[in-house]
Amino acid sequence: MKTIYIVGGNGYARECYDVLNNIIKTDKNIQFGGFLGHGGYGHTVDYKNKQNFYIGEVNDHTFKENEYCIIGAGYPDIRKKIYEDLKEKGVKFYNLISNNSYITDSVELGEANIIFSSSISVNIKIGNCNVFNGDVILGHDCEIGDFNFLGPRSQALGAVKIGNYNQIGANTIILPRSKIGNNNKIAPLSAVYKGCKNNCYLAGNPALKIGNIEDYNS
């Protein structure tokens, strides 16, 4: 039997728990081990009505052969930090895929991904540690890198390529053959026709560059 821990996080970790709990109802070969904090991210109070599942810091836990982790954080930079730390410790990861997601057999899927109620078509490559945060649609032949966040109801249509560390806003549509580079933010309700390179902040229909990441974060 696999024992699954959720590492770090707060509200998003609780969402992961509910999805995992539904999976456990139909798969008797897995069980929930508890919440583990990570370097100050994820404390007892962060889990609110699920505080009783908090068992301590990840550095105080010794993982066994049959134990796996889900990263309970949505933001790419936080996920990356937790992922790299756990990877260095030799921890194994569990792809959290909700029961109501549709994924074809031809999908190449990495590790530590979270996929909520999404539809993923044929011949798609997905890297590591991405979040598909509800009703995401990926068309045929898409390529998704690592540490991306795709917001609720976002869509990447046929042959779209998305690099690493991108945040795609809710209800965004990325049109066929568009190419998104690395470390970009695309505002909700945007329509991307061609794409962008790196470190851009895009918004609108058609989505235009309205600044750099440094401007967005200032």
N, C-alpha and C. Protein backbone atom coordinates (compact mmCIF):
# COMPACT_ATOMS: atom_id res chain seq x y z
N MET A 1 0.83 -1.20 0.00
CA MET A 1 0.00 0.00 0.00
C MET A 1 0.87 1.25 0.00
N LYS A 2 0.49 2.26 -0.81
CA LYS A 2 1.19 3.54 -0.84
C LYS A 2 0.62 4.48 0.21
N THR A 3 1.51 5.15 0.92
CA THR A 3 1.11 6.19 1.86
C THR A 3 1.50 7.54 1.26
N ILE A 4 0.52 8.44 1.16
CA ILE A 4 0.73 9.72 0.50
C ILE A 4 0.72 10.85 1.52
N TYR A 5 1.76 11.69 1.49
CA TYR A 5 1.83 12.89 2.33
C TYR A 5 1.68 14.13 1.45
N ILE A 6 1.07 15.16 2.00
CA ILE A 6 0.97 16.44 1.33
C ILE A 6 1.92 17.40 2.03
N VAL A 7 2.87 17.94 1.26
CA VAL A 7 3.96 18.74 1.84
C VAL A 7 3.74 20.22 1.53
N GLY A 8 3.83 21.06 2.57
CA GLY A 8 3.71 22.50 2.42
C GLY A 8 2.27 22.92 2.14
N GLY A 9 2.08 24.23 1.98
CA GLY A 9 0.77 24.72 1.56
C GLY A 9 -0.15 25.09 2.69
N ASN A 10 -1.31 25.56 2.29
CA ASN A 10 -2.37 25.91 3.23
C ASN A 10 -3.71 25.61 2.58
N GLY A 11 -4.36 26.64 1.99
CA GLY A 11 -5.64 26.39 1.34
C GLY A 11 -5.52 25.40 0.19
N TYR A 12 -4.47 25.54 -0.60
CA TYR A 12 -4.32 24.63 -1.73
C TYR A 12 -4.03 23.20 -1.26
N ALA A 13 -3.30 23.07 -0.18
CA ALA A 13 -3.04 21.74 0.37
C ALA A 13 -4.34 21.07 0.80
N ARG A 14 -5.26 21.87 1.35
CA ARG A 14 -6.55 21.31 1.75
C ARG A 14 -7.36 20.87 0.53
N GLU A 15 -7.26 21.61 -0.57
CA GLU A 15 -7.91 21.20 -1.80
C GLU A 15 -7.33 19.87 -2.30
N CYS A 16 -6.02 19.76 -2.23
CA CYS A 16 -5.36 18.50 -2.64
C CYS A 16 -5.84 17.34 -1.78
N TYR A 17 -5.99 17.59 -0.49
CA TYR A 17 -6.47 16.53 0.40
C TYR A 17 -7.85 16.03 -0.03
N ASP A 18 -8.76 16.94 -0.36
CA ASP A 18 -10.11 16.52 -0.73
C ASP A 18 -10.10 15.69 -2.01
N VAL A 19 -9.27 16.07 -2.98
CA VAL A 19 -9.16 15.29 -4.21
C VAL A 19 -8.56 13.91 -3.91
N LEU A 20 -7.52 13.90 -3.09
CA LEU A 20 -6.90 12.63 -2.73
C LEU A 20 -7.87 11.74 -1.98
N ASN A 21 -8.66 12.33 -1.09
CA ASN A 21 -9.62 11.56 -0.31
C ASN A 21 -10.65 10.88 -1.21
N ASN A 22 -11.07 11.56 -2.27
CA ASN A 22 -11.99 10.95 -3.22
C ASN A 22 -11.34 9.79 -3.97
N ILE A 23 -10.05 9.93 -4.28
CA ILE A 23 -9.33 8.84 -4.95
C ILE A 23 -9.23 7.63 -4.03
N ILE A 24 -8.95 7.89 -2.76
CA ILE A 24 -8.81 6.80 -1.79
C ILE A 24 -10.09 5.97 -1.68
N LYS A 25 -11.24 6.63 -1.85
CA LYS A 25 -12.52 5.92 -1.77
C LYS A 25 -12.66 4.84 -2.84
N THR A 26 -11.95 5.03 -3.96
CA THR A 26 -12.05 4.07 -5.06
C THR A 26 -10.78 3.25 -5.25
N ASP A 27 -9.71 3.60 -4.56
CA ASP A 27 -8.45 2.88 -4.68
C ASP A 27 -7.96 2.51 -3.28
N LYS A 28 -8.16 1.27 -2.90
CA LYS A 28 -7.81 0.81 -1.56
C LYS A 28 -6.32 0.55 -1.38
N ASN A 29 -5.53 0.81 -2.44
CA ASN A 29 -4.09 0.59 -2.35
C ASN A 29 -3.32 1.84 -1.94
N ILE A 30 -4.03 2.94 -1.66
CA ILE A 30 -3.37 4.14 -1.17
C ILE A 30 -4.06 4.64 0.08
N GLN A 31 -3.29 5.36 0.91
CA GLN A 31 -3.82 5.96 2.12
C GLN A 31 -3.13 7.30 2.37
N PHE A 32 -3.78 8.17 3.09
CA PHE A 32 -3.24 9.49 3.41
C PHE A 32 -2.43 9.41 4.68
N GLY A 33 -1.18 9.94 4.63
CA GLY A 33 -0.31 9.89 5.80
C GLY A 33 -0.38 11.12 6.67
N GLY A 34 -0.71 12.28 6.08
CA GLY A 34 -0.79 13.52 6.84
C GLY A 34 -0.17 14.68 6.10
N PHE A 35 -0.28 15.88 6.69
CA PHE A 35 0.36 17.09 6.17
C PHE A 35 1.74 17.26 6.80
N LEU A 36 2.71 17.64 5.97
CA LEU A 36 4.05 17.95 6.46
C LEU A 36 4.41 19.37 6.07
N GLY A 37 4.85 20.18 7.03
CA GLY A 37 5.30 21.53 6.72
C GLY A 37 6.65 21.51 6.04
N HIS A 38 6.96 22.61 5.36
CA HIS A 38 8.25 22.71 4.66
C HIS A 38 8.85 24.10 4.85
N GLY A 39 9.89 24.17 5.67
CA GLY A 39 10.64 25.41 5.83
C GLY A 39 9.80 26.62 6.17
N GLY A 40 8.80 26.45 7.01
CA GLY A 40 7.95 27.56 7.38
C GLY A 40 6.71 27.71 6.51
N TYR A 41 6.60 26.90 5.47
CA TYR A 41 5.43 26.95 4.62
C TYR A 41 4.55 25.74 4.93
N GLY A 42 3.45 26.02 5.60
CA GLY A 42 2.58 24.95 6.03
C GLY A 42 2.74 24.67 7.52
N HIS A 43 1.95 25.36 8.34
CA HIS A 43 1.95 25.15 9.78
C HIS A 43 0.59 24.58 10.19
N THR A 44 0.47 24.23 11.44
CA THR A 44 -0.78 23.66 11.92
C THR A 44 -1.97 24.56 11.60
N VAL A 45 -1.85 25.86 11.87
CA VAL A 45 -2.98 26.77 11.68
C VAL A 45 -3.36 26.93 10.22
N ASP A 46 -2.43 26.67 9.30
CA ASP A 46 -2.71 26.83 7.88
C ASP A 46 -3.73 25.81 7.38
N TYR A 47 -3.90 24.72 8.09
CA TYR A 47 -4.78 23.65 7.62
C TYR A 47 -6.19 23.74 8.20
N LYS A 48 -6.43 24.77 9.01
CA LYS A 48 -7.77 25.11 9.52
C LYS A 48 -8.52 23.89 10.05
N ASN A 49 -9.63 23.50 9.40
CA ASN A 49 -10.44 22.39 9.93
C ASN A 49 -9.78 21.03 9.76
N LYS A 50 -8.61 21.01 9.12
CA LYS A 50 -7.88 19.75 8.96
C LYS A 50 -6.56 19.76 9.74
N GLN A 51 -6.50 20.57 10.79
CA GLN A 51 -5.28 20.68 11.59
C GLN A 51 -4.87 19.35 12.20
N ASN A 52 -5.83 18.50 12.46
CA ASN A 52 -5.51 17.21 13.10
C ASN A 52 -4.66 16.32 12.20
N PHE A 53 -4.58 16.64 10.90
CA PHE A 53 -3.77 15.83 9.99
C PHE A 53 -2.32 16.32 9.90
N TYR A 54 -2.03 17.46 10.53
CA TYR A 54 -0.66 17.99 10.50
C TYR A 54 0.22 17.18 11.45
N ILE A 55 1.34 16.65 10.91
CA ILE A 55 2.18 15.77 11.73
C ILE A 55 3.59 16.31 11.96
N GLY A 56 3.89 17.52 11.43
CA GLY A 56 5.20 18.10 11.69
C GLY A 56 5.91 18.54 10.43
N GLU A 57 7.20 18.88 10.58
CA GLU A 57 8.01 19.36 9.47
C GLU A 57 8.57 18.19 8.66
N VAL A 58 8.72 18.42 7.36
CA VAL A 58 9.20 17.36 6.48
C VAL A 58 10.62 16.92 6.84
N ASN A 59 11.44 17.85 7.35
CA ASN A 59 12.82 17.49 7.72
C ASN A 59 12.88 16.54 8.91
N ASP A 60 11.79 16.46 9.66
CA ASP A 60 11.77 15.56 10.81
C ASP A 60 11.17 14.19 10.46
N HIS A 61 10.81 14.01 9.20
CA HIS A 61 10.17 12.75 8.79
C HIS A 61 11.14 11.92 7.94
N THR A 62 11.24 10.66 8.25
CA THR A 62 12.05 9.72 7.47
C THR A 62 11.12 8.93 6.55
N PHE A 63 11.29 9.11 5.25
CA PHE A 63 10.41 8.46 4.29
C PHE A 63 10.80 7.01 4.07
N LYS A 64 9.79 6.17 4.00
CA LYS A 64 9.98 4.75 3.74
C LYS A 64 9.75 4.44 2.27
N GLU A 65 10.01 3.22 1.88
CA GLU A 65 9.95 2.81 0.48
C GLU A 65 8.57 3.04 -0.13
N ASN A 66 7.53 2.83 0.64
CA ASN A 66 6.17 2.90 0.10
C ASN A 66 5.51 4.27 0.33
N GLU A 67 6.31 5.30 0.64
CA GLU A 67 5.74 6.61 0.94
C GLU A 67 6.05 7.61 -0.17
N TYR A 68 5.05 8.40 -0.51
CA TYR A 68 5.13 9.35 -1.62
C TYR A 68 4.64 10.72 -1.16
N CYS A 69 4.97 11.75 -1.97
CA CYS A 69 4.58 13.10 -1.62
C CYS A 69 3.78 13.77 -2.73
N ILE A 70 2.85 14.63 -2.31
CA ILE A 70 2.19 15.61 -3.16
C ILE A 70 2.63 16.98 -2.64
N ILE A 71 2.97 17.90 -3.54
CA ILE A 71 3.35 19.25 -3.13
C ILE A 71 2.10 20.10 -3.05
N GLY A 72 1.76 20.55 -1.86
CA GLY A 72 0.50 21.25 -1.63
C GLY A 72 0.60 22.75 -1.79
N ALA A 73 1.33 23.21 -2.81
CA ALA A 73 1.47 24.64 -3.08
C ALA A 73 1.21 24.87 -4.56
N GLY A 74 0.53 25.98 -4.87
CA GLY A 74 0.17 26.24 -6.25
C GLY A 74 1.20 27.06 -7.01
N TYR A 75 1.85 28.03 -6.37
CA TYR A 75 2.75 28.94 -7.07
C TYR A 75 4.01 28.23 -7.55
N PRO A 76 4.43 28.48 -8.80
CA PRO A 76 5.58 27.77 -9.37
C PRO A 76 6.86 27.90 -8.56
N ASP A 77 7.17 29.10 -8.04
CA ASP A 77 8.43 29.27 -7.33
C ASP A 77 8.47 28.47 -6.03
N ILE A 78 7.34 28.42 -5.34
CA ILE A 78 7.28 27.65 -4.09
C ILE A 78 7.33 26.16 -4.39
N ARG A 79 6.59 25.73 -5.41
CA ARG A 79 6.62 24.31 -5.81
C ARG A 79 8.03 23.89 -6.17
N LYS A 80 8.74 24.73 -6.90
CA LYS A 80 10.11 24.40 -7.32
C LYS A 80 11.01 24.21 -6.10
N LYS A 81 10.91 25.11 -5.14
CA LYS A 81 11.75 25.01 -3.95
C LYS A 81 11.47 23.72 -3.19
N ILE A 82 10.20 23.39 -3.00
CA ILE A 82 9.85 22.16 -2.29
C ILE A 82 10.27 20.93 -3.08
N TYR A 83 10.00 20.96 -4.39
CA TYR A 83 10.33 19.82 -5.25
C TYR A 83 11.83 19.51 -5.21
N GLU A 84 12.65 20.54 -5.38
CA GLU A 84 14.09 20.32 -5.42
C GLU A 84 14.62 19.80 -4.09
N ASP A 85 14.06 20.30 -3.00
CA ASP A 85 14.48 19.83 -1.67
C ASP A 85 14.12 18.36 -1.48
N LEU A 86 12.88 18.00 -1.83
CA LEU A 86 12.46 16.61 -1.66
C LEU A 86 13.21 15.69 -2.62
N LYS A 87 13.46 16.17 -3.83
CA LYS A 87 14.20 15.37 -4.81
C LYS A 87 15.59 15.04 -4.28
N GLU A 88 16.23 16.03 -3.68
CA GLU A 88 17.56 15.83 -3.13
C GLU A 88 17.55 14.79 -2.01
N LYS A 89 16.43 14.71 -1.29
CA LYS A 89 16.30 13.73 -0.22
C LYS A 89 15.93 12.34 -0.75
N GLY A 90 15.68 12.24 -2.04
CA GLY A 90 15.32 10.95 -2.62
C GLY A 90 13.86 10.58 -2.44
N VAL A 91 13.01 11.58 -2.13
CA VAL A 91 11.58 11.32 -1.92
C VAL A 91 10.90 11.06 -3.26
N LYS A 92 9.94 10.17 -3.27
CA LYS A 92 9.16 9.87 -4.47
C LYS A 92 7.89 10.71 -4.50
N PHE A 93 7.40 10.96 -5.71
CA PHE A 93 6.25 11.84 -5.89
C PHE A 93 5.06 11.09 -6.47
N TYR A 94 3.89 11.60 -6.12
CA TYR A 94 2.62 11.03 -6.59
C TYR A 94 1.93 12.06 -7.48
N ASN A 95 1.56 11.67 -8.69
CA ASN A 95 0.76 12.54 -9.55
C ASN A 95 -0.67 12.53 -9.06
N LEU A 96 -1.15 13.67 -8.59
CA LEU A 96 -2.51 13.77 -8.08
C LEU A 96 -3.45 14.12 -9.23
N ILE A 97 -4.25 13.16 -9.67
CA ILE A 97 -5.15 13.33 -10.81
C ILE A 97 -6.56 13.01 -10.35
N SER A 98 -7.43 14.00 -10.37
CA SER A 98 -8.79 13.79 -9.86
C SER A 98 -9.52 12.73 -10.67
N ASN A 99 -10.46 12.07 -10.02
CA ASN A 99 -11.21 10.99 -10.67
C ASN A 99 -11.96 11.44 -11.90
N ASN A 100 -12.34 12.71 -11.96
CA ASN A 100 -13.12 13.21 -13.09
C ASN A 100 -12.27 13.82 -14.19
N SER A 101 -10.96 13.59 -14.17
CA SER A 101 -10.10 14.04 -15.26
C SER A 101 -10.08 13.00 -16.37
N TYR A 102 -9.88 13.47 -17.60
CA TYR A 102 -9.77 12.57 -18.75
C TYR A 102 -8.38 12.74 -19.35
N ILE A 103 -7.61 11.67 -19.36
CA ILE A 103 -6.25 11.70 -19.89
C ILE A 103 -6.07 10.49 -20.80
N THR A 104 -5.68 10.72 -22.05
CA THR A 104 -5.53 9.61 -22.99
C THR A 104 -4.26 8.81 -22.68
N ASP A 105 -4.22 7.59 -23.20
CA ASP A 105 -3.08 6.70 -22.96
C ASP A 105 -1.80 7.19 -23.62
N SER A 106 -1.91 8.09 -24.59
CA SER A 106 -0.72 8.55 -25.32
C SER A 106 -0.01 9.71 -24.64
N VAL A 107 -0.52 10.16 -23.50
CA VAL A 107 0.10 11.28 -22.78
C VAL A 107 1.37 10.82 -22.08
N GLU A 108 2.46 11.59 -22.25
CA GLU A 108 3.70 11.37 -21.51
C GLU A 108 3.70 12.31 -20.31
N LEU A 109 3.61 11.74 -19.13
CA LEU A 109 3.43 12.54 -17.91
C LEU A 109 4.62 12.37 -16.98
N GLY A 110 5.18 13.50 -16.54
CA GLY A 110 6.28 13.48 -15.60
C GLY A 110 5.82 13.19 -14.19
N GLU A 111 6.47 13.78 -13.19
CA GLU A 111 6.14 13.50 -11.80
C GLU A 111 5.72 14.77 -11.08
N ALA A 112 5.06 14.58 -9.94
CA ALA A 112 4.66 15.66 -9.03
C ALA A 112 3.68 16.64 -9.67
N ASN A 113 2.89 16.18 -10.63
CA ASN A 113 1.87 17.02 -11.24
C ASN A 113 0.56 16.93 -10.47
N ILE A 114 -0.23 18.01 -10.56
CA ILE A 114 -1.57 18.04 -9.98
C ILE A 114 -2.55 18.40 -11.08
N ILE A 115 -3.54 17.54 -11.29
CA ILE A 115 -4.49 17.72 -12.39
C ILE A 115 -5.90 17.58 -11.84
N PHE A 116 -6.63 18.70 -11.79
CA PHE A 116 -8.00 18.71 -11.28
C PHE A 116 -8.98 18.79 -12.44
N SER A 117 -9.89 17.85 -12.53
CA SER A 117 -11.03 17.84 -13.45
C SER A 117 -10.70 18.42 -14.81
N SER A 118 -9.68 17.87 -15.45
CA SER A 118 -9.19 18.41 -16.72
C SER A 118 -9.28 17.37 -17.83
N SER A 119 -9.17 17.86 -19.07
CA SER A 119 -9.24 17.00 -20.25
C SER A 119 -7.94 17.16 -21.04
N ILE A 120 -7.22 16.05 -21.20
CA ILE A 120 -5.91 16.09 -21.84
C ILE A 120 -5.92 15.12 -23.02
N SER A 121 -5.74 15.66 -24.21
CA SER A 121 -5.95 14.93 -25.45
C SER A 121 -4.72 14.08 -25.82
N VAL A 122 -4.57 13.80 -27.11
CA VAL A 122 -3.60 12.79 -27.58
C VAL A 122 -2.23 13.39 -27.83
N ASN A 123 -1.21 12.53 -27.67
CA ASN A 123 0.18 12.86 -28.00
C ASN A 123 0.66 14.14 -27.33
N ILE A 124 0.43 14.21 -26.04
CA ILE A 124 0.81 15.39 -25.25
C ILE A 124 1.96 15.02 -24.32
N LYS A 125 2.91 15.93 -24.17
CA LYS A 125 4.04 15.75 -23.26
C LYS A 125 3.92 16.77 -22.12
N ILE A 126 3.94 16.27 -20.91
CA ILE A 126 3.84 17.12 -19.72
C ILE A 126 5.03 16.82 -18.82
N GLY A 127 5.75 17.84 -18.41
CA GLY A 127 6.93 17.66 -17.58
C GLY A 127 6.61 17.41 -16.12
N ASN A 128 7.36 18.05 -15.24
CA ASN A 128 7.25 17.81 -13.80
C ASN A 128 6.65 19.01 -13.06
N CYS A 129 5.90 18.70 -12.03
CA CYS A 129 5.51 19.68 -11.01
C CYS A 129 4.61 20.79 -11.55
N ASN A 130 3.75 20.46 -12.50
CA ASN A 130 2.78 21.41 -13.01
C ASN A 130 1.47 21.32 -12.23
N VAL A 131 0.69 22.40 -12.29
CA VAL A 131 -0.64 22.43 -11.68
C VAL A 131 -1.66 22.79 -12.75
N PHE A 132 -2.64 21.90 -12.96
CA PHE A 132 -3.79 22.18 -13.81
C PHE A 132 -4.97 22.34 -12.87
N ASN A 133 -5.35 23.60 -12.62
CA ASN A 133 -6.17 23.91 -11.46
C ASN A 133 -7.68 23.91 -11.73
N GLY A 134 -8.15 22.96 -12.52
CA GLY A 134 -9.58 22.79 -12.67
C GLY A 134 -10.09 23.10 -14.07
N ASP A 135 -10.68 22.11 -14.72
CA ASP A 135 -11.32 22.27 -16.03
C ASP A 135 -10.37 22.81 -17.09
N VAL A 136 -9.11 22.43 -17.00
CA VAL A 136 -8.13 22.80 -18.01
C VAL A 136 -8.28 21.86 -19.20
N ILE A 137 -8.15 22.41 -20.41
CA ILE A 137 -8.23 21.62 -21.63
C ILE A 137 -6.92 21.74 -22.39
N LEU A 138 -6.32 20.60 -22.73
CA LEU A 138 -5.13 20.58 -23.57
C LEU A 138 -5.47 19.85 -24.86
N GLY A 139 -5.25 20.52 -25.99
CA GLY A 139 -5.50 19.90 -27.28
C GLY A 139 -4.35 19.01 -27.71
N HIS A 140 -4.51 18.35 -28.84
CA HIS A 140 -3.54 17.38 -29.33
C HIS A 140 -2.15 17.99 -29.52
N ASP A 141 -1.15 17.17 -29.25
CA ASP A 141 0.26 17.49 -29.54
C ASP A 141 0.82 18.68 -28.78
N CYS A 142 0.23 19.02 -27.66
CA CYS A 142 0.80 20.10 -26.82
C CYS A 142 2.04 19.60 -26.09
N GLU A 143 2.92 20.53 -25.77
CA GLU A 143 4.10 20.23 -24.95
C GLU A 143 4.15 21.23 -23.80
N ILE A 144 4.14 20.71 -22.59
CA ILE A 144 4.16 21.52 -21.37
C ILE A 144 5.43 21.20 -20.61
N GLY A 145 6.18 22.22 -20.20
CA GLY A 145 7.43 22.00 -19.49
C GLY A 145 7.24 21.71 -18.01
N ASP A 146 7.97 22.41 -17.15
CA ASP A 146 7.97 22.16 -15.71
C ASP A 146 7.49 23.40 -14.94
N PHE A 147 6.88 23.16 -13.79
CA PHE A 147 6.54 24.20 -12.81
C PHE A 147 5.61 25.27 -13.38
N ASN A 148 4.67 24.85 -14.20
CA ASN A 148 3.67 25.78 -14.72
C ASN A 148 2.39 25.71 -13.90
N PHE A 149 1.64 26.82 -13.88
CA PHE A 149 0.32 26.86 -13.26
C PHE A 149 -0.67 27.28 -14.32
N LEU A 150 -1.64 26.41 -14.60
CA LEU A 150 -2.71 26.71 -15.55
C LEU A 150 -3.99 26.89 -14.76
N GLY A 151 -4.54 28.10 -14.80
CA GLY A 151 -5.70 28.44 -14.00
C GLY A 151 -6.97 27.78 -14.47
N PRO A 152 -8.02 27.85 -13.66
CA PRO A 152 -9.29 27.20 -13.98
C PRO A 152 -9.83 27.62 -15.35
N ARG A 153 -10.28 26.62 -16.10
CA ARG A 153 -10.93 26.80 -17.41
C ARG A 153 -10.01 27.38 -18.47
N SER A 154 -8.71 27.32 -18.25
CA SER A 154 -7.78 27.74 -19.30
C SER A 154 -7.66 26.64 -20.35
N GLN A 155 -7.31 27.03 -21.57
CA GLN A 155 -7.23 26.09 -22.68
C GLN A 155 -5.96 26.33 -23.49
N ALA A 156 -5.28 25.25 -23.81
CA ALA A 156 -4.17 25.29 -24.76
C ALA A 156 -4.57 24.37 -25.90
N LEU A 157 -4.79 24.95 -27.08
CA LEU A 157 -5.31 24.17 -28.19
C LEU A 157 -4.16 23.47 -28.94
N GLY A 158 -4.45 22.90 -30.10
CA GLY A 158 -3.51 21.99 -30.74
C GLY A 158 -2.10 22.51 -30.93
N ALA A 159 -1.12 21.67 -30.57
CA ALA A 159 0.30 21.91 -30.83
C ALA A 159 0.87 23.14 -30.13
N VAL A 160 0.25 23.56 -29.04
CA VAL A 160 0.79 24.65 -28.24
C VAL A 160 2.02 24.17 -27.47
N LYS A 161 3.01 25.04 -27.35
CA LYS A 161 4.20 24.72 -26.55
C LYS A 161 4.33 25.75 -25.42
N ILE A 162 4.45 25.25 -24.21
CA ILE A 162 4.60 26.09 -23.02
C ILE A 162 5.87 25.66 -22.29
N GLY A 163 6.74 26.62 -21.99
CA GLY A 163 8.02 26.31 -21.35
C GLY A 163 7.90 26.02 -19.87
N ASN A 164 8.64 26.76 -19.05
CA ASN A 164 8.71 26.51 -17.62
C ASN A 164 8.34 27.76 -16.82
N TYR A 165 7.82 27.55 -15.62
CA TYR A 165 7.57 28.61 -14.63
C TYR A 165 6.54 29.65 -15.09
N ASN A 166 5.60 29.25 -15.90
CA ASN A 166 4.58 30.18 -16.37
C ASN A 166 3.31 30.11 -15.52
N GLN A 167 2.62 31.25 -15.41
CA GLN A 167 1.32 31.31 -14.74
C GLN A 167 0.27 31.75 -15.76
N ILE A 168 -0.62 30.84 -16.08
CA ILE A 168 -1.66 31.08 -17.08
C ILE A 168 -2.96 31.35 -16.34
N GLY A 169 -3.54 32.54 -16.53
CA GLY A 169 -4.71 32.96 -15.78
C GLY A 169 -5.97 32.19 -16.16
N ALA A 170 -6.95 32.25 -15.28
CA ALA A 170 -8.23 31.56 -15.50
C ALA A 170 -8.89 32.06 -16.78
N ASN A 171 -9.53 31.11 -17.47
CA ASN A 171 -10.30 31.40 -18.69
C ASN A 171 -9.44 31.93 -19.84
N THR A 172 -8.16 31.71 -19.78
CA THR A 172 -7.28 32.09 -20.89
C THR A 172 -7.32 31.02 -21.98
N ILE A 173 -7.29 31.47 -23.25
CA ILE A 173 -7.23 30.56 -24.38
C ILE A 173 -5.92 30.80 -25.13
N ILE A 174 -5.15 29.73 -25.30
CA ILE A 174 -3.92 29.80 -26.08
C ILE A 174 -4.19 29.08 -27.39
N LEU A 175 -4.16 29.81 -28.48
CA LEU A 175 -4.59 29.29 -29.77
C LEU A 175 -3.54 28.38 -30.39
N PRO A 176 -3.96 27.54 -31.36
CA PRO A 176 -3.07 26.51 -31.91
C PRO A 176 -1.71 27.04 -32.36
N ARG A 177 -0.70 26.25 -32.06
CA ARG A 177 0.70 26.46 -32.45
C ARG A 177 1.35 27.68 -31.79
N SER A 178 0.70 28.25 -30.82
CA SER A 178 1.34 29.33 -30.06
C SER A 178 2.49 28.77 -29.23
N LYS A 179 3.47 29.62 -28.95
CA LYS A 179 4.63 29.21 -28.17
C LYS A 179 4.84 30.19 -27.01
N ILE A 180 4.79 29.66 -25.81
CA ILE A 180 5.01 30.44 -24.59
C ILE A 180 6.39 30.06 -24.05
N GLY A 181 7.22 31.04 -23.77
CA GLY A 181 8.56 30.76 -23.27
C GLY A 181 8.58 30.39 -21.80
N ASN A 182 9.44 31.06 -21.03
CA ASN A 182 9.61 30.75 -19.61
C ASN A 182 9.31 31.97 -18.74
N ASN A 183 8.77 31.69 -17.57
CA ASN A 183 8.58 32.70 -16.52
C ASN A 183 7.70 33.86 -16.98
N ASN A 184 6.59 33.52 -17.60
CA ASN A 184 5.64 34.53 -18.04
C ASN A 184 4.36 34.48 -17.20
N LYS A 185 3.65 35.59 -17.15
CA LYS A 185 2.34 35.66 -16.52
C LYS A 185 1.34 36.13 -17.56
N ILE A 186 0.25 35.39 -17.71
CA ILE A 186 -0.80 35.76 -18.65
C ILE A 186 -2.07 36.01 -17.86
N ALA A 187 -2.62 37.20 -17.99
CA ALA A 187 -3.77 37.61 -17.19
C ALA A 187 -5.00 36.78 -17.53
N PRO A 188 -5.92 36.62 -16.58
CA PRO A 188 -7.17 35.91 -16.84
C PRO A 188 -7.92 36.51 -18.03
N LEU A 189 -8.67 35.65 -18.73
CA LEU A 189 -9.53 36.04 -19.84
C LEU A 189 -8.76 36.51 -21.07
N SER A 190 -7.48 36.18 -21.13
CA SER A 190 -6.68 36.57 -22.29
C SER A 190 -6.83 35.56 -23.42
N ALA A 191 -6.53 36.01 -24.62
CA ALA A 191 -6.51 35.13 -25.80
C ALA A 191 -5.16 35.28 -26.47
N VAL A 192 -4.37 34.23 -26.43
CA VAL A 192 -3.00 34.26 -26.94
C VAL A 192 -3.00 33.70 -28.36
N TYR A 193 -2.58 34.52 -29.33
CA TYR A 193 -2.62 34.12 -30.73
C TYR A 193 -1.28 33.57 -31.22
N LYS A 194 -0.19 34.15 -30.75
CA LYS A 194 1.13 33.70 -31.21
C LYS A 194 2.02 33.25 -30.06
N GLY A 195 1.95 33.94 -28.94
CA GLY A 195 2.77 33.57 -27.80
C GLY A 195 3.71 34.68 -27.38
N CYS A 196 4.76 34.30 -26.67
CA CYS A 196 5.73 35.26 -26.16
C CYS A 196 7.02 34.54 -25.85
N LYS A 197 8.05 35.31 -25.56
CA LYS A 197 9.34 34.71 -25.21
C LYS A 197 9.42 34.49 -23.70
N ASN A 198 10.25 35.25 -23.01
CA ASN A 198 10.47 35.03 -21.57
C ASN A 198 10.19 36.30 -20.76
N ASN A 199 9.76 36.09 -19.51
CA ASN A 199 9.63 37.17 -18.52
C ASN A 199 8.65 38.26 -18.92
N CYS A 200 7.58 37.86 -19.60
CA CYS A 200 6.58 38.83 -20.07
C CYS A 200 5.31 38.75 -19.24
N TYR A 201 4.62 39.90 -19.20
CA TYR A 201 3.29 39.96 -18.62
C TYR A 201 2.34 40.32 -19.75
N LEU A 202 1.40 39.41 -20.05
CA LEU A 202 0.48 39.57 -21.17
C LEU A 202 -0.95 39.70 -20.67
N ALA A 203 -1.75 40.44 -21.43
CA ALA A 203 -3.17 40.56 -21.10
C ALA A 203 -3.94 40.98 -22.34
N GLY A 204 -5.24 40.59 -22.38
CA GLY A 204 -6.12 41.09 -23.41
C GLY A 204 -6.46 40.10 -24.49
N ASN A 205 -7.26 40.56 -25.46
CA ASN A 205 -7.66 39.78 -26.63
C ASN A 205 -7.56 40.70 -27.85
N PRO A 206 -6.51 40.52 -28.66
CA PRO A 206 -5.43 39.56 -28.52
C PRO A 206 -4.50 39.92 -27.35
N ALA A 207 -3.88 38.91 -26.75
CA ALA A 207 -2.99 39.16 -25.61
C ALA A 207 -1.75 39.90 -26.08
N LEU A 208 -1.47 41.02 -25.43
CA LEU A 208 -0.31 41.83 -25.75
C LEU A 208 0.58 41.97 -24.53
N LYS A 209 1.84 42.17 -24.78
CA LYS A 209 2.77 42.40 -23.68
C LYS A 209 2.54 43.78 -23.11
N ILE A 210 2.20 43.84 -21.83
CA ILE A 210 1.97 45.13 -21.18
C ILE A 210 3.02 45.43 -20.12
N GLY A 211 4.02 44.57 -20.03
CA GLY A 211 5.09 44.80 -19.08
C GLY A 211 5.96 43.57 -18.94
N ASN A 212 6.99 43.72 -18.12
CA ASN A 212 7.85 42.60 -17.76
C ASN A 212 7.46 42.08 -16.39
N ILE A 213 7.94 40.90 -16.06
CA ILE A 213 7.63 40.31 -14.76
C ILE A 213 8.04 41.27 -13.64
N GLU A 214 9.15 41.99 -13.82
CA GLU A 214 9.61 42.90 -12.79
C GLU A 214 8.57 44.01 -12.55
N ASP A 215 7.94 44.46 -13.63
CA ASP A 215 6.90 45.48 -13.47
C ASP A 215 5.68 44.92 -12.76
N TYR A 216 5.33 43.68 -13.10
CA TYR A 216 4.15 43.05 -12.52
C TYR A 216 4.31 42.83 -11.03
N ASN A 217 5.53 42.50 -10.60
CA ASN A 217 5.78 42.17 -9.19
C ASN A 217 6.08 43.41 -8.35
N SER A 218 6.27 44.56 -8.97
CA SER A 218 6.66 45.76 -8.21
C SER A 218 5.47 46.37 -7.50
